[in-house]
Amino acid sequence: MLKNKGTKSYKGYLYLLPALVILGVFVFYPIINAIVFSFDETKASGYVFGFGSYGYLFKDKRFIQSLINTVIYAAIVPLLSVGLSLLLANALANLKNEKVKGMFQSIYFLPYVTSLVAIGVVWSWLFNSQYGIINYLLGFIGIDPINWLTDPNWAMPALVIFAVWKSLAFNTLILTTGIASINPQYYQAAKIDQATNSTIFRKITIPLVSPIILYTYIISLIAGFKVYTEVYVLFNGRTLNGRVSTVVMYIIDRFYGDQDFPLAFAAAVVLLLIILTVTFVQRTIAKNKVHY
């Protein structure tokens, strides 16, 4: 029996080996390499250990502004996206007509399967200050045209609107699956007790789907800190005096533009630590509020 257990354990490690090799080459090695070279104070050959890159990083106004923008984005977009996705998923779950439900599921899933570059081009037309449909609709309620993509004061709201819309598809899909897995007997018992739809949503749906909500929120939060493509496609690489610059944009500019590799690595390590810390804090805070 012991020999058989050892053989099974050995086979298990063999099955895991390909995944571990891929993770080691493409995930763990780059992370370790970035950490090591973030302490390099030389610009040429050789290696001199030091904290110069980190010291300069937190004095760099470009980095501080990029970090502030990223934190604002990550604080707003995941919260709005998950909240709206939960309401949308609950509404879809309550639809009785299967054909209508299938049609709406296809519609909200389109952003997830469409190229982000193509979506960015469409939204740049929607946000156009002269002939964009958003300003056209705002005109009906007496609001003057807004320079969404050229005014630094409106750039972040435009980015948030675009990012929330883009992320609704994936989040709604995950939450719809979670709601569909709830035992229908809970809803039947609530209806027998004449509970309202809002009460059912607050007392049954949210608690039972809370693990999925937490998972979706953390995934969205991590994606929020790594935002880059959304900014690039919507503003054509412009940062509008740094008002929409993000940490990832800063890293790419330092790495490819300035070729200051230690500084880029240092910024990447700081971003990694922030993501790990925020994720750990969120999981700790939500631990007692999630029902498994």
Protein backbone atom coordinates (compact mmCIF):
# COMPACT_ATOMS: atom_id res chain seq x y z
CA MET A 1 0.00 0.00 0.00
CA LEU A 2 2.79 2.45 0.88
CA LYS A 3 4.55 1.70 -2.37
CA ASN A 4 1.34 2.32 -4.30
CA LYS A 5 0.80 5.70 -2.57
CA GLY A 6 4.38 6.72 -3.35
CA THR A 7 3.90 5.81 -7.01
CA LYS A 8 0.70 7.85 -7.23
CA SER A 9 2.41 10.82 -5.60
CA TYR A 10 5.31 10.54 -8.02
CA LYS A 11 2.93 10.46 -10.98
CA GLY A 12 1.12 13.51 -9.62
CA TYR A 13 4.34 15.52 -9.63
CA LEU A 14 5.02 14.38 -13.20
CA TYR A 15 1.62 15.70 -14.28
CA LEU A 16 2.37 19.03 -12.61
CA LEU A 17 5.87 19.28 -14.08
CA PRO A 18 4.92 20.86 -17.48
CA ALA A 19 2.86 23.57 -15.76
CA LEU A 20 5.62 24.21 -13.22
CA VAL A 21 8.22 24.53 -15.98
CA ILE A 22 6.07 27.03 -17.89
CA LEU A 23 5.37 29.04 -14.72
CA GLY A 24 9.03 28.96 -13.79
CA VAL A 25 10.25 30.19 -17.18
CA PHE A 26 7.57 32.76 -17.95
CA VAL A 27 6.46 33.92 -14.46
CA PHE A 28 8.85 33.23 -11.59
CA TYR A 29 12.12 33.80 -13.45
CA PRO A 30 11.06 37.20 -14.87
CA ILE A 31 9.86 38.30 -11.42
CA ILE A 32 13.10 37.27 -9.74
CA ASN A 33 15.13 38.82 -12.56
CA ALA A 34 13.22 42.12 -12.24
CA ILE A 35 13.76 42.22 -8.48
CA VAL A 36 17.48 41.53 -8.80
CA PHE A 37 18.13 44.13 -11.50
CA SER A 38 15.94 46.75 -9.83
CA PHE A 39 18.81 47.15 -7.34
CA ASP A 40 21.40 47.64 -10.07
CA GLU A 41 22.85 51.16 -9.95
CA THR A 42 24.91 50.88 -13.12
CA LYS A 43 23.74 51.94 -16.57
CA ALA A 44 26.31 49.88 -18.46
CA SER A 45 28.02 46.53 -17.94
CA GLY A 46 28.52 45.05 -14.50
CA TYR A 47 26.28 44.98 -11.45
CA VAL A 48 26.44 47.28 -8.43
CA PHE A 49 23.89 46.66 -5.69
CA GLY A 50 22.11 49.73 -4.35
CA PHE A 51 18.79 51.45 -3.67
CA GLY A 52 19.38 54.37 -6.02
CA SER A 53 16.58 53.45 -8.43
CA TYR A 54 14.02 53.25 -5.62
CA GLY A 55 15.25 56.53 -4.14
CA TYR A 56 14.87 58.31 -7.47
CA LEU A 57 11.54 56.60 -8.18
CA PHE A 58 9.72 58.12 -5.22
CA LYS A 59 11.09 61.57 -6.04
CA ASP A 60 9.99 61.37 -9.68
CA LYS A 61 6.84 63.45 -10.20
CA ARG A 62 5.96 61.40 -13.27
CA PHE A 63 5.87 58.22 -11.23
CA ILE A 64 3.93 59.78 -8.34
CA GLN A 65 1.30 61.14 -10.73
CA SER A 66 1.09 57.81 -12.54
CA LEU A 67 0.68 56.01 -9.21
CA ILE A 68 -2.09 58.40 -8.10
CA ASN A 69 -3.92 57.93 -11.41
CA THR A 70 -3.62 54.17 -11.15
CA VAL A 71 -4.94 54.12 -7.58
CA ILE A 72 -7.91 56.31 -8.53
CA TYR A 73 -8.68 54.08 -11.51
CA ALA A 74 -8.36 50.88 -9.47
CA ALA A 75 -10.56 52.30 -6.70
CA ILE A 76 -13.42 53.30 -9.01
CA VAL A 77 -13.57 50.93 -11.99
CA PRO A 78 -13.71 47.52 -10.22
CA LEU A 79 -16.34 48.77 -7.78
CA LEU A 80 -18.59 50.18 -10.50
CA SER A 81 -18.01 47.27 -12.85
CA VAL A 82 -18.75 44.52 -10.34
CA GLY A 83 -21.75 46.38 -8.94
CA LEU A 84 -23.32 46.97 -12.35
CA SER A 85 -22.43 43.44 -13.46
CA LEU A 86 -24.17 41.99 -10.40
CA LEU A 87 -27.35 43.96 -11.12
CA LEU A 88 -27.23 42.96 -14.78
CA ALA A 89 -26.59 39.29 -13.95
CA ASN A 90 -29.49 39.26 -11.49
CA ALA A 91 -31.80 40.86 -14.06
CA LEU A 92 -30.81 38.28 -16.67
CA ALA A 93 -31.33 35.45 -14.19
CA ASN A 94 -34.89 36.65 -13.55
CA LEU A 95 -35.83 36.76 -17.23
CA LYS A 96 -38.39 34.09 -18.01
CA ASN A 97 -38.24 34.25 -21.81
CA GLU A 98 -35.29 32.09 -22.86
CA LYS A 99 -35.05 33.64 -26.32
CA VAL A 100 -34.86 37.16 -24.93
CA LYS A 101 -32.36 36.00 -22.30
CA GLY A 102 -30.17 34.42 -24.98
CA MET A 103 -30.31 37.60 -27.07
CA PHE A 104 -29.23 39.79 -24.16
CA GLN A 105 -26.47 37.35 -23.20
CA SER A 106 -25.09 37.60 -26.74
CA ILE A 107 -25.28 41.41 -26.66
CA TYR A 108 -23.46 41.92 -23.35
CA PHE A 109 -20.84 39.31 -24.25
CA LEU A 110 -19.83 41.09 -27.48
CA PRO A 111 -17.29 43.46 -25.84
CA TYR A 112 -15.39 40.45 -24.47
CA VAL A 113 -14.87 38.83 -27.88
CA THR A 114 -14.25 42.07 -29.79
CA SER A 115 -10.78 43.51 -30.31
CA LEU A 116 -10.00 46.14 -27.69
CA VAL A 117 -8.35 48.30 -30.35
CA ALA A 118 -11.55 48.27 -32.43
CA ILE A 119 -13.60 49.09 -29.34
CA GLY A 120 -11.25 51.95 -28.51
CA VAL A 121 -11.69 53.42 -32.00
CA VAL A 122 -15.48 53.27 -31.66
CA TRP A 123 -15.42 54.91 -28.24
CA SER A 124 -13.09 57.64 -29.47
CA TRP A 125 -15.82 58.52 -31.98
CA LEU A 126 -18.49 58.38 -29.28
CA PHE A 127 -16.44 60.74 -27.10
CA ASN A 128 -15.67 63.12 -29.97
CA SER A 129 -16.32 66.69 -28.79
CA GLN A 130 -17.84 67.89 -32.09
CA TYR A 131 -19.93 65.04 -33.49
CA GLY A 132 -19.84 62.36 -30.79
CA ILE A 133 -23.16 60.81 -29.83
CA ILE A 134 -22.47 61.25 -26.10
CA ASN A 135 -22.24 65.04 -26.39
CA TYR A 136 -25.24 64.95 -28.72
CA LEU A 137 -27.34 63.21 -26.06
CA LEU A 138 -26.05 65.52 -23.32
CA GLY A 139 -27.21 68.46 -25.42
CA PHE A 140 -30.83 67.38 -24.90
CA ILE A 141 -30.51 68.11 -21.17
CA GLY A 142 -28.75 71.42 -21.69
CA ILE A 143 -25.13 70.33 -21.12
CA ASP A 144 -22.51 71.98 -23.32
CA PRO A 145 -20.17 69.76 -25.37
CA ILE A 146 -17.38 68.21 -23.31
CA ASN A 147 -13.85 67.68 -24.62
CA TRP A 148 -13.65 64.15 -23.27
CA LEU A 149 -10.38 63.15 -24.94
CA THR A 150 -8.51 66.47 -24.95
CA ASP A 151 -9.44 68.13 -21.66
CA PRO A 152 -7.27 66.76 -18.80
CA ASN A 153 -10.13 67.36 -16.34
CA TRP A 154 -12.47 65.03 -18.25
CA ALA A 155 -9.93 62.44 -19.38
CA MET A 156 -10.20 60.23 -16.29
CA PRO A 157 -14.04 60.16 -16.30
CA ALA A 158 -13.93 59.17 -19.98
CA LEU A 159 -11.45 56.41 -19.22
CA VAL A 160 -13.57 55.14 -16.33
CA ILE A 161 -16.73 55.03 -18.47
CA PHE A 162 -14.91 53.15 -21.22
CA ALA A 163 -13.24 50.71 -18.81
CA VAL A 164 -16.45 49.93 -16.92
CA TRP A 165 -18.33 49.24 -20.14
CA LYS A 166 -15.51 47.03 -21.43
CA SER A 167 -15.29 44.94 -18.26
CA LEU A 168 -19.03 44.35 -17.89
CA ALA A 169 -19.02 41.38 -20.27
CA PHE A 170 -16.58 39.15 -18.38
CA ASN A 171 -17.83 40.11 -14.92
CA THR A 172 -21.47 39.59 -15.87
CA LEU A 173 -20.65 36.18 -17.36
CA ILE A 174 -18.94 35.03 -14.15
CA LEU A 175 -21.69 36.39 -11.88
CA THR A 176 -24.46 34.97 -14.06
CA THR A 177 -22.87 31.54 -13.73
CA GLY A 178 -22.67 31.99 -9.95
CA ILE A 179 -26.34 33.01 -9.66
CA ALA A 180 -27.41 30.10 -11.86
CA SER A 181 -25.69 27.68 -9.46
CA ILE A 182 -27.89 28.74 -6.51
CA ASN A 183 -30.41 26.11 -5.47
CA PRO A 184 -33.87 27.23 -6.75
CA GLN A 185 -35.47 25.99 -3.51
CA TYR A 186 -34.16 29.06 -1.70
CA TYR A 187 -36.06 31.33 -4.09
CA GLN A 188 -39.18 29.19 -3.94
CA ALA A 189 -39.21 29.33 -0.15
CA ALA A 190 -38.73 33.11 -0.21
CA LYS A 191 -41.62 33.57 -2.63
CA ILE A 192 -43.86 31.43 -0.43
CA ASP A 193 -43.01 33.82 2.41
CA GLN A 194 -43.95 36.69 0.04
CA ALA A 195 -40.49 38.24 0.08
CA THR A 196 -39.97 41.10 -2.36
CA ASN A 197 -37.47 40.91 -5.21
CA SER A 198 -35.15 43.38 -3.48
CA THR A 199 -35.24 41.33 -0.27
CA ILE A 200 -34.49 38.13 -2.18
CA PHE A 201 -31.60 39.85 -3.91
CA ARG A 202 -30.12 41.20 -0.65
CA LYS A 203 -30.78 38.23 1.63
CA ILE A 204 -30.33 35.27 -0.73
CA THR A 205 -28.56 36.13 -3.97
CA ILE A 206 -25.77 38.35 -2.61
CA PRO A 207 -24.80 36.11 0.36
CA LEU A 208 -24.84 32.89 -1.68
CA VAL A 209 -22.89 34.38 -4.58
CA SER A 210 -20.50 36.38 -2.34
CA PRO A 211 -17.46 34.12 -3.09
CA ILE A 212 -17.94 34.78 -6.81
CA ILE A 213 -18.38 38.50 -6.13
CA LEU A 214 -15.12 38.58 -4.16
CA TYR A 215 -13.29 36.64 -6.88
CA THR A 216 -14.62 38.93 -9.62
CA TYR A 217 -13.74 42.05 -7.63
CA ILE A 218 -10.17 40.92 -6.90
CA ILE A 219 -9.59 39.98 -10.54
CA SER A 220 -10.93 43.38 -11.60
CA LEU A 221 -8.80 45.11 -8.96
CA ILE A 222 -5.61 43.44 -10.17
CA ALA A 223 -6.51 44.32 -13.77
CA GLY A 224 -7.14 47.90 -12.65
CA PHE A 225 -3.62 48.29 -11.30
CA LYS A 226 -2.21 46.86 -14.55
CA VAL A 227 -4.25 49.11 -16.85
CA TYR A 228 -2.46 50.16 -20.02
CA THR A 229 -4.21 49.10 -23.22
CA GLU A 230 -7.43 50.96 -22.41
CA VAL A 231 -5.52 54.24 -21.99
CA TYR A 232 -3.43 53.70 -25.10
CA VAL A 233 -6.28 52.89 -27.49
CA LEU A 234 -8.58 55.62 -26.17
CA PHE A 235 -6.04 58.46 -26.08
CA ASN A 236 -3.66 57.25 -28.82
CA GLY A 237 -0.77 57.02 -26.37
CA ARG A 238 -1.23 60.60 -25.07
CA THR A 239 -1.19 61.18 -21.32
CA LEU A 240 -2.70 64.72 -21.31
CA ASN A 241 -0.08 66.26 -19.04
CA GLY A 242 0.11 63.06 -17.05
CA ARG A 243 -3.57 63.06 -16.08
CA VAL A 244 -4.17 59.58 -17.55
CA SER A 245 -0.66 58.21 -17.21
CA THR A 246 -0.54 54.89 -15.34
CA VAL A 247 2.24 52.94 -13.65
CA VAL A 248 2.42 50.45 -16.49
CA MET A 249 2.72 53.31 -19.00
CA TYR A 250 5.51 54.74 -16.86
CA ILE A 251 7.32 51.39 -16.83
CA ILE A 252 7.07 51.02 -20.61
CA ASP A 253 8.25 54.60 -21.18
CA ARG A 254 11.23 54.12 -18.90
CA PHE A 255 12.12 50.73 -20.35
CA TYR A 256 11.68 51.31 -24.09
CA GLY A 257 11.83 55.10 -24.30
CA ASP A 258 14.51 56.11 -21.80
CA GLN A 259 16.09 52.62 -21.64
CA ASP A 260 16.53 53.13 -17.91
CA PHE A 261 16.16 49.44 -17.13
CA PRO A 262 16.83 49.49 -13.35
CA LEU A 263 14.28 52.26 -12.87
CA ALA A 264 11.70 50.39 -14.96
CA PHE A 265 12.35 47.22 -12.95
CA ALA A 266 12.04 49.15 -9.69
CA ALA A 267 8.68 50.58 -10.76
CA ALA A 268 7.51 47.07 -11.74
CA VAL A 269 8.53 45.70 -8.33
CA VAL A 270 6.70 48.52 -6.53
CA LEU A 271 3.59 47.81 -8.59
CA LEU A 272 3.85 44.09 -7.76
CA LEU A 273 4.11 44.84 -4.03
CA ILE A 274 1.13 47.19 -4.18
CA ILE A 275 -1.02 44.59 -5.96
CA LEU A 276 -0.05 41.86 -3.47
CA THR A 277 -0.70 44.13 -0.50
CA VAL A 278 -4.06 45.43 -1.72
CA THR A 279 -5.20 41.92 -2.67
CA PHE A 280 -4.23 40.54 0.75
CA VAL A 281 -5.98 43.40 2.56
CA GLN A 282 -9.15 42.98 0.48
CA ARG A 283 -9.27 39.25 1.14
CA THR A 284 -8.70 39.79 4.86
CA ILE A 285 -11.41 42.43 5.15
CA ALA A 286 -13.93 40.40 3.14
CA LYS A 287 -13.14 37.11 4.88
CA ASN A 288 -15.92 37.44 7.45
CA LYS A 289 -18.41 38.77 4.89
CA VAL A 290 -18.11 35.94 2.39
CA HIS A 291 -20.33 32.86 2.85
CA TYR A 292 -18.73 29.65 1.62
